[in-house]
C-alpha atoms as a PDB file:
ATOM      1  CA  MET A   1      10.151  18.927  16.099  1.00  0.00           C
ATOM      2  CA  THR A   2      13.258  16.917  17.049  1.00  0.00           C
ATOM      3  CA  ARG A   3      11.497  15.580  20.118  1.00  0.00           C
ATOM      4  CA  TYR A   4       8.483  14.686  18.005  1.00  0.00           C
ATOM      5  CA  LEU A   5      10.647  12.837  15.474  1.00  0.00           C
ATOM      6  CA  LEU A   6      12.350  10.855  18.233  1.00  0.00           C
ATOM      7  CA  ARG A   7       8.985   9.906  19.722  1.00  0.00           C
ATOM      8  CA  ARG A   8       7.656   8.818  16.351  1.00  0.00           C
ATOM      9  CA  LEU A   9      10.769   6.755  15.622  1.00  0.00           C
ATOM     10  CA  ALA A  10      10.483   5.076  19.020  1.00  0.00           C
ATOM     11  CA  PHE A  11       6.820   4.355  18.299  1.00  0.00           C
ATOM     12  CA  LEU A  12       7.803   2.873  14.929  1.00  0.00           C
ATOM     13  CA  VAL A  13      10.352   0.533  16.525  1.00  0.00           C
ATOM     14  CA  VAL A  14       7.920  -0.581  19.246  1.00  0.00           C
ATOM     15  CA  SER A  15       5.210  -1.135  16.640  1.00  0.00           C
ATOM     16  CA  LEU A  16       7.537  -3.292  14.563  1.00  0.00           C
ATOM     17  CA  VAL A  17       8.430  -5.428  17.579  1.00  0.00           C
ATOM     18  CA  LEU A  18       4.772  -5.886  18.524  1.00  0.00           C
ATOM     19  CA  ALA A  19       3.858  -6.639  14.907  1.00  0.00           C
ATOM     20  CA  SER A  20       6.588  -9.276  14.713  1.00  0.00           C
ATOM     21  CA  VAL A  21       5.240 -10.964  17.856  1.00  0.00           C
ATOM     22  CA  VAL A  22       1.651 -10.962  16.573  1.00  0.00           C
ATOM     23  CA  LEU A  23       2.760 -12.150  13.138  1.00  0.00           C
ATOM     24  CA  PHE A  24       4.818 -15.003  14.573  1.00  0.00           C
ATOM     25  CA  VAL A  25       2.043 -16.188  16.913  1.00  0.00           C
ATOM     26  CA  LEU A  26      -0.788 -15.974  14.368  1.00  0.00           C
ATOM     27  CA  LEU A  27       1.259 -17.748  11.719  1.00  0.00           C
ATOM     28  CA  ARG A  28       1.870 -20.698  14.054  1.00  0.00           C
ATOM     29  CA  MET A  29      -1.852 -20.896  14.772  1.00  0.00           C
ATOM     30  CA  LEU A  30      -2.742 -21.491  11.127  1.00  0.00           C
ATOM     31  CA  PRO A  31      -3.727 -25.047  10.161  1.00  0.00           C
ATOM     32  CA  GLY A  32      -1.211 -27.110   8.239  1.00  0.00           C
ATOM     33  CA  ASP A  33       2.327 -28.318   8.756  1.00  0.00           C
ATOM     34  CA  PRO A  34       5.133 -26.426   6.958  1.00  0.00           C
ATOM     35  CA  ALA A  35       7.091 -29.678   6.790  1.00  0.00           C
ATOM     36  CA  ASN A  36       4.598 -30.894   4.172  1.00  0.00           C
ATOM     37  CA  ALA A  37       6.211 -28.483   1.700  1.00  0.00           C
ATOM     38  CA  LEU A  38       9.389 -30.597   1.839  1.00  0.00           C
ATOM     39  CA  THR A  39       7.762 -34.011   1.707  1.00  0.00           C
ATOM     40  CA  SER A  40       5.669 -35.829  -0.849  1.00  0.00           C
ATOM     41  CA  VAL A  41       2.181 -37.193  -0.385  1.00  0.00           C
ATOM     42  CA  GLY A  42       2.213 -40.293   1.803  1.00  0.00           C
ATOM     43  CA  ALA A  43       5.526 -39.461   3.487  1.00  0.00           C
ATOM     44  CA  SER A  44       6.402 -41.580   6.486  1.00  0.00           C
ATOM     45  CA  PRO A  45       6.451 -40.154  10.014  1.00  0.00           C
ATOM     46  CA  GLU A  46      10.258 -40.392   9.952  1.00  0.00           C
ATOM     47  CA  GLN A  47      10.440 -38.310   6.775  1.00  0.00           C
ATOM     48  CA  ILE A  48       8.090 -35.702   8.223  1.00  0.00           C
ATOM     49  CA  ALA A  49      10.123 -35.578  11.441  1.00  0.00           C
ATOM     50  CA  ALA A  50      13.322 -35.123   9.391  1.00  0.00           C
ATOM     51  CA  ALA A  51      11.693 -32.280   7.419  1.00  0.00           C
ATOM     52  CA  ARG A  52      10.627 -30.566  10.633  1.00  0.00           C
ATOM     53  CA  HIS A  53      14.152 -30.828  11.957  1.00  0.00           C
ATOM     54  CA  THR A  54      15.515 -29.380   8.706  1.00  0.00           C
ATOM     55  CA  ILE A  55      13.318 -26.278   8.867  1.00  0.00           C
ATOM     56  CA  GLY A  56      13.518 -25.996  12.643  1.00  0.00           C
ATOM     57  CA  SER A  57       9.785 -26.301  13.311  1.00  0.00           C
ATOM     58  CA  ASP A  58      10.443 -29.053  15.873  1.00  0.00           C
ATOM     59  CA  LYS A  59      12.121 -26.557  18.202  1.00  0.00           C
ATOM     60  CA  PRO A  60      10.208 -24.823  21.020  1.00  0.00           C
ATOM     61  CA  LEU A  61       8.312 -21.714  19.894  1.00  0.00           C
ATOM     62  CA  PRO A  62      10.334 -19.299  22.091  1.00  0.00           C
ATOM     63  CA  GLU A  63      13.528 -20.612  20.492  1.00  0.00           C
ATOM     64  CA  GLN A  64      12.065 -20.224  16.998  1.00  0.00           C
ATOM     65  CA  PHE A  65      10.966 -16.663  17.795  1.00  0.00           C
ATOM     66  CA  THR A  66      14.334 -15.705  19.258  1.00  0.00           C
ATOM     67  CA  HIS A  67      16.063 -17.064  16.170  1.00  0.00           C
ATOM     68  CA  TRP A  68      13.765 -15.077  13.861  1.00  0.00           C
ATOM     69  CA  ILE A  69      14.175 -11.831  15.804  1.00  0.00           C
ATOM     70  CA  GLY A  70      17.955 -12.315  15.736  1.00  0.00           C
ATOM     71  CA  GLN A  71      17.797 -12.697  11.958  1.00  0.00           C
ATOM     72  CA  LEU A  72      15.692  -9.554  11.609  1.00  0.00           C
ATOM     73  CA  ALA A  73      18.121  -7.580  13.762  1.00  0.00           C
ATOM     74  CA  SER A  74      20.910  -8.521  11.355  1.00  0.00           C
ATOM     75  CA  GLY A  75      18.810  -7.672   8.278  1.00  0.00           C
ATOM     76  CA  ASP A  76      18.175 -11.308   7.356  1.00  0.00           C
ATOM     77  CA  LEU A  77      14.607 -12.317   6.473  1.00  0.00           C
ATOM     78  CA  GLY A  78      15.443 -16.005   6.595  1.00  0.00           C
ATOM     79  CA  THR A  79      15.614 -18.783   4.019  1.00  0.00           C
ATOM     80  CA  SER A  80      12.675 -20.219   2.123  1.00  0.00           C
ATOM     81  CA  PHE A  81      11.622 -23.709   3.205  1.00  0.00           C
ATOM     82  CA  VAL A  82      10.739 -24.653  -0.361  1.00  0.00           C
ATOM     83  CA  SER A  83      13.425 -23.086  -2.557  1.00  0.00           C
ATOM     84  CA  SER A  84      16.186 -22.908   0.084  1.00  0.00           C
ATOM     85  CA  LEU A  85      16.963 -19.392  -1.206  1.00  0.00           C
ATOM     86  CA  PRO A  86      17.292 -16.249   0.953  1.00  0.00           C
ATOM     87  CA  VAL A  87      13.989 -14.430   1.276  1.00  0.00           C
ATOM     88  CA  GLY A  88      15.513 -10.929   1.469  1.00  0.00           C
ATOM     89  CA  PRO A  89      16.925 -10.731  -2.084  1.00  0.00           C
ATOM     90  CA  GLU A  90      13.713 -12.187  -3.489  1.00  0.00           C
ATOM     91  CA  VAL A  91      11.637  -9.596  -1.618  1.00  0.00           C
ATOM     92  CA  LEU A  92      13.816  -6.811  -3.035  1.00  0.00           C
ATOM     93  CA  THR A  93      13.369  -8.210  -6.538  1.00  0.00           C
ATOM     94  CA  ARG A  94       9.611  -8.324  -6.087  1.00  0.00           C
ATOM     95  CA  LEU A  95       9.565  -4.778  -4.731  1.00  0.00           C
ATOM     96  CA  ASN A  96      10.941  -3.631  -8.087  1.00  0.00           C
ATOM     97  CA  VAL A  97       7.495  -4.444  -9.454  1.00  0.00           C
ATOM     98  CA  THR A  98       5.209  -3.629  -6.508  1.00  0.00           C
ATOM     99  CA  VAL A  99       6.706  -0.250  -5.554  1.00  0.00           C
ATOM    100  CA  PRO A 100       6.581   1.306  -9.067  1.00  0.00           C
ATOM    101  CA  LEU A 101       3.084  -0.131  -9.498  1.00  0.00           C
ATOM    102  CA  THR A 102       1.859   1.370  -6.221  1.00  0.00           C
ATOM    103  CA  LEU A 103       3.547   4.750  -6.607  1.00  0.00           C
ATOM    104  CA  ALA A 104       2.501   5.245 -10.236  1.00  0.00           C
ATOM    105  CA  ALA A 105      -1.087   4.285  -9.411  1.00  0.00           C
ATOM    106  CA  SER A 106      -1.133   6.696  -6.461  1.00  0.00           C
ATOM    107  CA  VAL A 107       0.180   9.588  -8.543  1.00  0.00           C
ATOM    108  CA  LEU A 108      -2.377   8.909 -11.281  1.00  0.00           C
ATOM    109  CA  ALA A 109      -5.143   8.641  -8.672  1.00  0.00           C
ATOM    110  CA  VAL A 110      -4.194  12.050  -7.240  1.00  0.00           C
ATOM    111  CA  VAL A 111      -4.105  13.573 -10.735  1.00  0.00           C
ATOM    112  CA  ILE A 112      -7.643  12.274 -11.325  1.00  0.00           C
ATOM    113  CA  ALA A 113      -9.103  12.860  -7.858  1.00  0.00           C
ATOM    114  CA  VAL A 114      -7.947  16.404  -7.080  1.00  0.00           C
ATOM    115  CA  PRO A 115      -9.560  18.230 -10.034  1.00  0.00           C
ATOM    116  CA  ALA A 116     -12.575  15.892 -10.038  1.00  0.00           C
ATOM    117  CA  GLY A 117     -13.125  16.288  -6.299  1.00  0.00           C
ATOM    118  CA  PHE A 118     -12.759  20.067  -6.512  1.00  0.00           C
ATOM    119  CA  ALA A 119     -15.186  20.254  -9.422  1.00  0.00           C
ATOM    120  CA  ALA A 120     -17.662  18.020  -7.583  1.00  0.00           C
ATOM    121  CA  ALA A 121     -17.570  20.431  -4.620  1.00  0.00           C
ATOM    122  CA  TYR A 122     -17.453  23.737  -6.489  1.00  0.00           C
ATOM    123  CA  LYS A 123     -20.201  22.708  -8.916  1.00  0.00           C
ATOM    124  CA  ARG A 124     -22.184  20.655  -6.429  1.00  0.00           C
ATOM    125  CA  HIS A 125     -25.467  22.280  -7.479  1.00  0.00           C
ATOM    126  CA  THR A 126     -25.009  21.416 -11.160  1.00  0.00           C
ATOM    127  CA  TRP A 127     -25.756  18.162 -12.935  1.00  0.00           C
ATOM    128  CA  TYR A 128     -22.108  17.358 -13.655  1.00  0.00           C
ATOM    129  CA  GLY A 129     -21.125  18.006 -10.046  1.00  0.00           C
ATOM    130  CA  ALA A 130     -23.738  15.473  -8.990  1.00  0.00           C
ATOM    131  CA  LEU A 131     -22.550  13.151 -11.759  1.00  0.00           C
ATOM    132  CA  LEU A 132     -18.956  13.252 -10.458  1.00  0.00           C
ATOM    133  CA  SER A 133     -20.148  12.448  -6.961  1.00  0.00           C
ATOM    134  CA  GLY A 134     -22.272   9.576  -8.256  1.00  0.00           C
ATOM    135  CA  VAL A 135     -19.460   8.145 -10.358  1.00  0.00           C
ATOM    136  CA  SER A 136     -17.098   8.212  -7.373  1.00  0.00           C
ATOM    137  CA  GLN A 137     -19.671   6.356  -5.259  1.00  0.00           C
ATOM    138  CA  LEU A 138     -20.063   3.781  -8.011  1.00  0.00           C
ATOM    139  CA  GLY A 139     -16.293   3.419  -8.363  1.00  0.00           C
ATOM    140  CA  ILE A 140     -15.923   2.527  -4.693  1.00  0.00           C
ATOM    141  CA  ALA A 141     -18.322  -0.395  -5.183  1.00  0.00           C
ATOM    142  CA  VAL A 142     -16.496  -1.808  -8.226  1.00  0.00           C
ATOM    143  CA  PRO A 143     -14.280  -4.833  -7.350  1.00  0.00           C
ATOM    144  CA  VAL A 144     -10.719  -4.253  -8.463  1.00  0.00           C
ATOM    145  CA  PHE A 145     -10.383  -7.713 -10.030  1.00  0.00           C
ATOM    146  CA  TRP A 146     -13.552  -7.175 -12.105  1.00  0.00           C
ATOM    147  CA  LEU A 147     -12.278  -3.822 -13.351  1.00  0.00           C
ATOM    148  CA  GLY A 148      -8.953  -5.422 -14.203  1.00  0.00           C
ATOM    149  CA  MET A 149     -10.619  -8.123 -16.289  1.00  0.00           C
ATOM    150  CA  VAL A 150     -12.722  -5.522 -18.108  1.00  0.00           C
ATOM    151  CA  LEU A 151      -9.635  -3.473 -18.974  1.00  0.00           C
ATOM    152  CA  ILE A 152      -7.846  -6.608 -20.177  1.00  0.00           C
ATOM    153  CA  ALA A 153     -10.795  -7.538 -22.406  1.00  0.00           C
ATOM    154  CA  VAL A 154     -11.067  -4.046 -23.889  1.00  0.00           C
ATOM    155  CA  PHE A 155      -7.473  -2.860 -24.274  1.00  0.00           C
ATOM    156  CA  ALA A 156      -5.513  -6.122 -24.481  1.00  0.00           C
ATOM    157  CA  LEU A 157      -7.693  -8.818 -26.025  1.00  0.00           C
ATOM    158  CA  ASN A 158      -9.903  -6.696 -28.301  1.00  0.00           C
ATOM    159  CA  ALA A 159      -7.762  -3.663 -29.157  1.00  0.00           C
ATOM    160  CA  GLY A 160      -4.385  -5.361 -28.709  1.00  0.00           C
ATOM    161  CA  TRP A 161      -2.790  -2.122 -27.524  1.00  0.00           C
ATOM    162  CA  LEU A 162      -1.283  -3.448 -24.315  1.00  0.00           C
ATOM    163  CA  PRO A 163      -0.213  -6.827 -22.929  1.00  0.00           C
ATOM    164  CA  ALA A 164      -2.818  -8.750 -20.950  1.00  0.00           C
ATOM    165  CA  GLY A 165      -0.354  -9.626 -18.220  1.00  0.00           C
ATOM    166  CA  GLY A 166       3.133 -10.734 -17.301  1.00  0.00           C
ATOM    167  CA  PHE A 167       6.380  -8.853 -16.833  1.00  0.00           C
ATOM    168  CA  PRO A 168       9.649  -8.945 -18.823  1.00  0.00           C
ATOM    169  CA  PRO A 169      11.992 -11.708 -17.594  1.00  0.00           C
ATOM    170  CA  ASP A 170      14.823  -9.159 -17.399  1.00  0.00           C
ATOM    171  CA  GLY A 171      12.639  -6.735 -15.455  1.00  0.00           C
ATOM    172  CA  TRP A 172      13.590  -3.081 -15.780  1.00  0.00           C
ATOM    173  CA  ALA A 173      16.495  -3.967 -18.079  1.00  0.00           C
ATOM    174  CA  GLN A 174      13.758  -3.730 -20.723  1.00  0.00           C
ATOM    175  CA  PRO A 175      12.171  -0.433 -19.582  1.00  0.00           C
ATOM    176  CA  ALA A 176       9.759   0.013 -22.487  1.00  0.00           C
ATOM    177  CA  GLN A 177       8.260  -3.447 -22.079  1.00  0.00           C
ATOM    178  CA  ALA A 178       8.205  -3.097 -18.299  1.00  0.00           C
ATOM    179  CA  VAL A 179       6.271   0.171 -18.519  1.00  0.00           C
ATOM    180  CA  ARG A 180       3.800  -1.308 -21.022  1.00  0.00           C
ATOM    181  CA  SER A 181       3.252  -4.264 -18.675  1.00  0.00           C
ATOM    182  CA  LEU A 182       2.345  -1.918 -15.833  1.00  0.00           C
ATOM    183  CA  VAL A 183       0.015   0.431 -17.717  1.00  0.00           C
ATOM    184  CA  LEU A 184      -3.187  -1.580 -17.242  1.00  0.00           C
ATOM    185  CA  PRO A 185      -2.442  -2.580 -13.605  1.00  0.00           C
ATOM    186  CA  VAL A 186      -1.650   1.062 -12.766  1.00  0.00           C
ATOM    187  CA  VAL A 187      -4.872   2.294 -14.379  1.00  0.00           C
ATOM    188  CA  THR A 188      -6.857  -0.418 -12.572  1.00  0.00           C
ATOM    189  CA  ILE A 189      -5.576   0.578  -9.137  1.00  0.00           C
ATOM    190  CA  ALA A 190      -5.713   4.310  -9.892  1.00  0.00           C
ATOM    191  CA  LEU A 191      -9.367   4.233 -10.933  1.00  0.00           C
ATOM    192  CA  VAL A 192     -10.420   2.421  -7.768  1.00  0.00           C
ATOM    193  CA  MET A 193      -8.225   4.597  -5.538  1.00  0.00           C
ATOM    194  CA  SER A 194      -9.323   7.845  -7.167  1.00  0.00           C
ATOM    195  CA  ALA A 195     -12.987   6.980  -6.588  1.00  0.00           C
ATOM    196  CA  SER A 196     -12.348   6.998  -2.850  1.00  0.00           C
ATOM    197  CA  LEU A 197     -10.088  10.045  -2.949  1.00  0.00           C
ATOM    198  CA  ILE A 198     -12.648  12.112  -4.885  1.00  0.00           C
ATOM    199  CA  ARG A 199     -15.045  11.870  -1.944  1.00  0.00           C
ATOM    200  CA  TYR A 200     -12.444  13.132   0.521  1.00  0.00           C
ATOM    201  CA  VAL A 201     -11.235  15.902  -1.785  1.00  0.00           C
ATOM    202  CA  ARG A 202     -14.851  16.990  -2.289  1.00  0.00           C
ATOM    203  CA  SER A 203     -15.523  16.976   1.452  1.00  0.00           C
ATOM    204  CA  ALA A 204     -12.326  18.906   2.247  1.00  0.00           C
ATOM    205  CA  THR A 205     -13.065  21.437  -0.499  1.00  0.00           C
ATOM    206  CA  LEU A 206     -16.608  21.969   0.785  1.00  0.00           C
ATOM    207  CA  ASP A 207     -15.223  22.732   4.246  1.00  0.00           C
ATOM    208  CA  VAL A 208     -12.915  25.330   2.717  1.00  0.00           C
ATOM    209  CA  LEU A 209     -15.617  26.875   0.527  1.00  0.00           C
ATOM    210  CA  ASP A 210     -17.853  27.337   3.576  1.00  0.00           C
ATOM    211  CA  SER A 211     -15.077  28.678   5.815  1.00  0.00           C
ATOM    212  CA  ASP A 212     -14.979  32.173   7.317  1.00  0.00           C
ATOM    213  CA  TYR A 213     -11.352  32.780   6.370  1.00  0.00           C
ATOM    214  CA  LEU A 214     -12.074  32.243   2.675  1.00  0.00           C
ATOM    215  CA  ARG A 215     -15.001  34.673   2.786  1.00  0.00           C
ATOM    216  CA  THR A 216     -12.806  37.175   4.644  1.00  0.00           C
ATOM    217  CA  ALA A 217     -10.079  36.887   2.024  1.00  0.00           C
ATOM    218  CA  ARG A 218     -12.629  37.456  -0.730  1.00  0.00           C
ATOM    219  CA  ALA A 219     -14.043  40.487   1.137  1.00  0.00           C
ATOM    220  CA  LEU A 220     -10.542  41.962   1.367  1.00  0.00           C
ATOM    221  CA  GLY A 221     -10.234  41.926  -2.408  1.00  0.00           C
ATOM    222  CA  SER A 222      -8.664  38.538  -3.221  1.00  0.00           C
ATOM    223  CA  SER A 223      -9.927  36.701  -6.242  1.00  0.00           C
ATOM    224  CA  PHE A 224     -11.468  33.271  -5.724  1.00  0.00           C
ATOM    225  CA  SER A 225      -8.482  31.501  -7.265  1.00  0.00           C
ATOM    226  CA  GLY A 226      -6.034  33.632  -5.250  1.00  0.00           C
ATOM    227  CA  ALA A 227      -7.877  33.006  -1.976  1.00  0.00           C
ATOM    228  CA  MET A 228      -8.033  29.276  -2.661  1.00  0.00           C
ATOM    229  CA  TRP A 229      -4.338  29.166  -3.540  1.00  0.00           C
ATOM    230  CA  ARG A 230      -3.170  31.152  -0.504  1.00  0.00           C
ATOM    231  CA  HIS A 231      -5.565  29.875   2.119  1.00  0.00           C
ATOM    232  CA  GLY A 232      -7.760  27.046   0.906  1.00  0.00           C
ATOM    233  CA  LEU A 233      -5.273  24.677  -0.662  1.00  0.00           C
ATOM    234  CA  ARG A 234      -3.201  24.186   2.477  1.00  0.00           C
ATOM    235  CA  ASN A 235      -6.209  23.563   4.708  1.00  0.00           C
ATOM    236  CA  ALA A 236      -7.902  21.228   2.240  1.00  0.00           C
ATOM    237  CA  SER A 237      -4.751  19.191   1.665  1.00  0.00           C
ATOM    238  CA  VAL A 238      -4.226  18.201   5.324  1.00  0.00           C
ATOM    239  CA  PRO A 239      -7.050  15.622   5.594  1.00  0.00           C
ATOM    240  CA  VAL A 240      -6.479  14.466   2.017  1.00  0.00           C
ATOM    241  CA  ILE A 241      -2.829  13.672   2.772  1.00  0.00           C
ATOM    242  CA  SER A 242      -3.900  11.505   5.695  1.00  0.00           C
ATOM    243  CA  VAL A 243      -6.341   9.588   3.521  1.00  0.00           C
ATOM    244  CA  LEU A 244      -3.795   9.308   0.712  1.00  0.00           C
ATOM    245  CA  GLY A 245      -1.330   7.741   3.156  1.00  0.00           C
ATOM    246  CA  MET A 246      -3.912   5.150   4.184  1.00  0.00           C
ATOM    247  CA  GLU A 247      -4.826   4.465   0.562  1.00  0.00           C
ATOM    248  CA  LEU A 248      -1.172   4.058  -0.381  1.00  0.00           C
ATOM    249  CA  ALA A 249      -0.601   1.616   2.483  1.00  0.00           C
ATOM    250  CA  SER A 250      -3.725  -0.409   1.682  1.00  0.00           C
ATOM    251  CA  THR A 251      -2.780  -0.513  -1.997  1.00  0.00           C
ATOM    252  CA  LEU A 252       0.669  -1.837  -1.143  1.00  0.00           C
ATOM    253  CA  LEU A 253      -0.860  -4.538   1.047  1.00  0.00           C
ATOM    254  CA  GLY A 254      -3.675  -5.334  -1.374  1.00  0.00           C
ATOM    255  CA  ALA A 255      -1.554  -5.517  -4.506  1.00  0.00           C
ATOM    256  CA  VAL A 256      -1.885  -9.313  -4.428  1.00  0.00           C
ATOM    257  CA  VAL A 257      -5.261  -9.111  -6.198  1.00  0.00           C
ATOM    258  CA  VAL A 258      -4.079  -6.914  -9.064  1.00  0.00           C
ATOM    259  CA  GLU A 259      -0.806  -8.810  -9.386  1.00  0.00           C
ATOM    260  CA  SER A 260      -2.763 -12.063  -9.631  1.00  0.00           C
ATOM    261  CA  VAL A 261      -5.073 -10.669 -12.312  1.00  0.00           C
ATOM    262  CA  TYR A 262      -2.155  -9.404 -14.411  1.00  0.00           C
ATOM    263  CA  ALA A 263       0.299 -12.219 -13.507  1.00  0.00           C
ATOM    264  CA  LEU A 264       2.870  -9.769 -12.145  1.00  0.00           C
ATOM    265  CA  PRO A 265       5.830 -11.138 -10.144  1.00  0.00           C
ATOM    266  CA  GLY A 266       5.360  -8.689  -7.300  1.00  0.00           C
ATOM    267  CA  LEU A 267       5.313  -8.855  -3.542  1.00  0.00           C
ATOM    268  CA  GLY A 268       1.650  -9.847  -3.409  1.00  0.00           C
ATOM    269  CA  SER A 269       2.068 -12.877  -5.652  1.00  0.00           C
ATOM    270  CA  PHE A 270       5.143 -13.905  -3.647  1.00  0.00           C
ATOM    271  CA  LEU A 271       3.040 -13.793  -0.475  1.00  0.00           C
ATOM    272  CA  ALA A 272       0.245 -15.824  -2.077  1.00  0.00           C
ATOM    273  CA  THR A 273       2.747 -18.496  -3.118  1.00  0.00           C
ATOM    274  CA  GLY A 274       4.233 -18.584   0.377  1.00  0.00           C
ATOM    275  CA  ILE A 275       0.796 -19.028   1.957  1.00  0.00           C
ATOM    276  CA  ALA A 276      -0.122 -21.832  -0.438  1.00  0.00           C
ATOM    277  CA  GLN A 277       3.123 -23.661   0.384  1.00  0.00           C
ATOM    278  CA  HIS A 278       3.109 -22.906   4.146  1.00  0.00           C
ATOM    279  CA  ASP A 279       6.506 -21.308   3.635  1.00  0.00           C
ATOM    280  CA  TYR A 280       6.837 -19.467   6.971  1.00  0.00           C
ATOM    281  CA  PRO A 281      10.002 -17.467   6.157  1.00  0.00           C
ATOM    282  CA  VAL A 282       8.420 -16.118   2.961  1.00  0.00           C
ATOM    283  CA  ILE A 283       5.165 -15.185   4.714  1.00  0.00           C
ATOM    284  CA  GLN A 284       6.985 -13.621   7.667  1.00  0.00           C
ATOM    285  CA  GLY A 285       9.415 -11.740   5.444  1.00  0.00           C
ATOM    286  CA  VAL A 286       6.780 -10.286   3.134  1.00  0.00           C
ATOM    287  CA  LEU A 287       4.430  -9.284   5.952  1.00  0.00           C
ATOM    288  CA  PHE A 288       7.261  -7.762   7.992  1.00  0.00           C
ATOM    289  CA  VAL A 289       8.437  -5.650   5.053  1.00  0.00           C
ATOM    290  CA  SER A 290       4.827  -4.664   4.312  1.00  0.00           C
ATOM    291  CA  THR A 291       4.273  -3.676   7.945  1.00  0.00           C
ATOM    292  CA  LEU A 292       7.446  -1.608   7.905  1.00  0.00           C
ATOM    293  CA  ALA A 293       6.312   0.114   4.700  1.00  0.00           C
ATOM    294  CA  VAL A 294       2.886   0.895   6.195  1.00  0.00           C
ATOM    295  CA  LEU A 295       4.443   2.406   9.329  1.00  0.00           C
ATOM    296  CA  VAL A 296       6.888   4.484   7.279  1.00  0.00           C
ATOM    297  CA  ILE A 297       4.069   5.729   5.030  1.00  0.00           C
ATOM    298  CA  GLY A 298       2.028   6.715   8.082  1.00  0.00           C
ATOM    299  CA  PHE A 299       5.017   8.488   9.600  1.00  0.00           C
ATOM    300  CA  ALA A 300       5.696  10.366   6.352  1.00  0.00           C
ATOM    301  CA  ALA A 301       2.040  11.398   5.972  1.00  0.00           C
ATOM    302  CA  ASP A 302       1.933  12.681   9.559  1.00  0.00           C
ATOM    303  CA  LEU A 303       5.162  14.604   9.070  1.00  0.00           C
ATOM    304  CA  VAL A 304       3.948  16.231   5.844  1.00  0.00           C
ATOM    305  CA  GLN A 305       0.721  17.263   7.588  1.00  0.00           C
ATOM    306  CA  ARG A 306       2.661  18.998  10.360  1.00  0.00           C
ATOM    307  CA  ILE A 307       4.882  20.769   7.852  1.00  0.00           C
ATOM    308  CA  ILE A 308       1.883  22.042   5.858  1.00  0.00           C
ATOM    309  CA  ASP A 309      -0.402  22.985   8.734  1.00  0.00           C
ATOM    310  CA  PRO A 310       1.118  25.508  11.188  1.00  0.00           C
ATOM    311  CA  ARG A 311      -1.642  24.735  13.708  1.00  0.00           C
ATOM    312  CA  LEU A 312      -0.262  21.215  14.141  1.00  0.00           C
ATOM    313  CA  ARG A 313       3.248  22.604  14.614  1.00  0.00           C
ATOM    314  CA  ASP A 314       2.006  25.069  17.221  1.00  0.00           C
ATOM    315  CA  ARG A 315       0.146  22.303  19.016  1.00  0.00           C
ATOM    316  CA  LEU A 316       3.304  20.198  18.929  1.00  0.00           C
ATOM    317  CA  SER A 317       5.391  23.040  20.364  1.00  0.00           C
ATOM    318  CA  GLY A 318       2.841  23.674  23.104  1.00  0.00           C
ATOM    319  CA  GLY A 319       2.824  19.996  24.018  1.00  0.00           C
ATOM    320  CA  ALA A 320       6.630  19.892  24.084  1.00  0.00           C
ATOM    321  CA  ARG A 321       6.734  22.762  26.558  1.00  0.00           C
END
């Protein structure tokens, strides 16, 4: 296991380096001049040249890349071209919205998807089992921004139970208001995520229900619930954990849509602002942190799978020998 962890950590570091190279190159290939963010319309060539010198975009690309990598190595995400403020502290502030939003939505999605997916598999020959499967298929096709607007119209504008958007200026210093601001965004993401998870939970449960080891356990006198708890749950959870990790990563990256609908000052809205202003340090900083989060989530999901499933541990030990 130690050797496996070292290999995975090395893979994570190499992946981050490669991602930083790809990110830097692709960002410089985008149309538009970042110096325009510092100049007004109709600026003279001298003013544009001075702006480029200020932000360092007039330097050779290898020198710009070396400078950025050096900043990353020291934990510095750079300074915004537009606001002249450090990107790192702003990213951390935005994460205080995006991370609770993503985690709460994922937990709620699991709470919805696990019993619904199990019921859809166990009662697959009944009308409500088919209904659960159909609803999950329909939920996958629903755009998240459309669902968000529907929830705003129903629960915020018509009922007035929850705010339609925004976040307290003091953030989590006002916990009650902060939680109320996140209720609708969390439900929006959770409903869309759970629709996808229900399919995978149903598929994994069907594999367990049709397995020989479950039938053997039942033949030896175990009750259905006891056999599922001792043998089925572990086997069914392995593929679901992998999918949950991917869903969590995609939700973190795709939070920009939900944050835009609900006007949340999260990481996604920060990225959208940076793209609109051609603010390279903001774009690079947000995407680098997001890439790091995705790699860490994938590493954690893989590790949990190996802890749960002894077959993966045995395969790992055999490969190590």
